[in-house]
Every structure is written in structure tokens, then in C-alpha cells.
Amino acid sequence: MRLATIGLLDLSLSFVAEVVAFLAMVLILARWVYPPVIRVAEARQRSVSEQLRLAEEARTAAEERLQEAVAKLNAAQSQAAEIVEAAGRSAEALRVELRQRSEEEAHRVVEAARDDIEAERRRAIDSVRTEMADLVVSATEKVIGQSLDLGRHRRLIDAAIAEVAQGADQR
């Protein structure tokens, strides 16, 4: 049944029904789907911020350990210099040994701190990737209104996230 014909637009009851259905769908999504998705995303953002804060604290602690190691190295060097003045050749050998140990310890502390920082960074990124994949699958299921093949979609989402991460890492 035609209501009117205006230029190229043919107004019919099916067109009006489609417009009404579309508006109803937009209202339903705006009322019941989008607010929970936004709340979950904001909670995740707060969680990531907290994880980044903890990673920064770990980095600060690692830098403090490095400074302590440098202070220990300086103290060992001073002690070695005094031994050299007091004991001659025997003291010189002892000073070299102490210096090597201090440098090795400082190197180990620095490497451990770098490993800790990198591990925290990777855990934060993995956590964000996993949560993002879950949010996308959940939002897609709500919008479509049916269950999806979770395994296949998770692989696709993980691949897409990995591509984005590689692009970000290359910058």
C-alpha cells in the first residue's frame, strides 16, 4: 500500500515500519546495551591505570635498588683504595676482585629490574588484550542477539590485537 510518492522516494507502510523498527532498536540499544558496556570499559580502564601505576612503582623501586647498588659499588671502590694504600700488591689484587664482584652485582640488579619492568608491562598488555577480546565478543553477542563461536572469534580478535600491538611497537 502506497502512502505517497515524492520524487524518487516511495513512501509505503513497509518503509514506515522499517523506520519505526530501526528507531526502536536504537532506543533499546541506548537504554539496555550500551550503558553496561560503557561501565565495563570504564572499570577496565581504571584497572589498567592501576596496573600501570603499580608497574611505575616497581620501576621506581628498581631504580632505588640500582642507586643502592651504585652506592655499594662506590663504597667498595673506596674500601679497595684504602686496602691498596695499606697492603700494596696483595691489596691491589683484593681491590680488583671486590670491584668485579660489585660490578657483577650491580649488573645483576639492573638486569633483574629491567626484567621485572618488562614482565609487568607484558602482563598489563596481555590483561588488556584478554579483557578487550571478551568485551568485543560480549558486545557482539548482545548486539546480534545470539551466541557466537567463541573460539573462532577469539582467534580473530587476538590476531587483530596482535597486529595493532605490532604497529604500536614499531613506532
Foldseek 3Di string as FASTA:
>chain_A
DFDDDDPPDTDDPVVVVVVVVVVVLVVCCVPPPVVVLVVLVVVLVVVLVVLVVVLVVLLVVLVVVLVVLVVVLVVLLVVLVVQCVVPPPVSVVVSVVSNVVSVVVSVVSNVVSVVSSVVSVVVSLVVVLVSVLVSVLVSVCVSVVHHDPSVVSSVVSSVVSVVVVVVVVVD
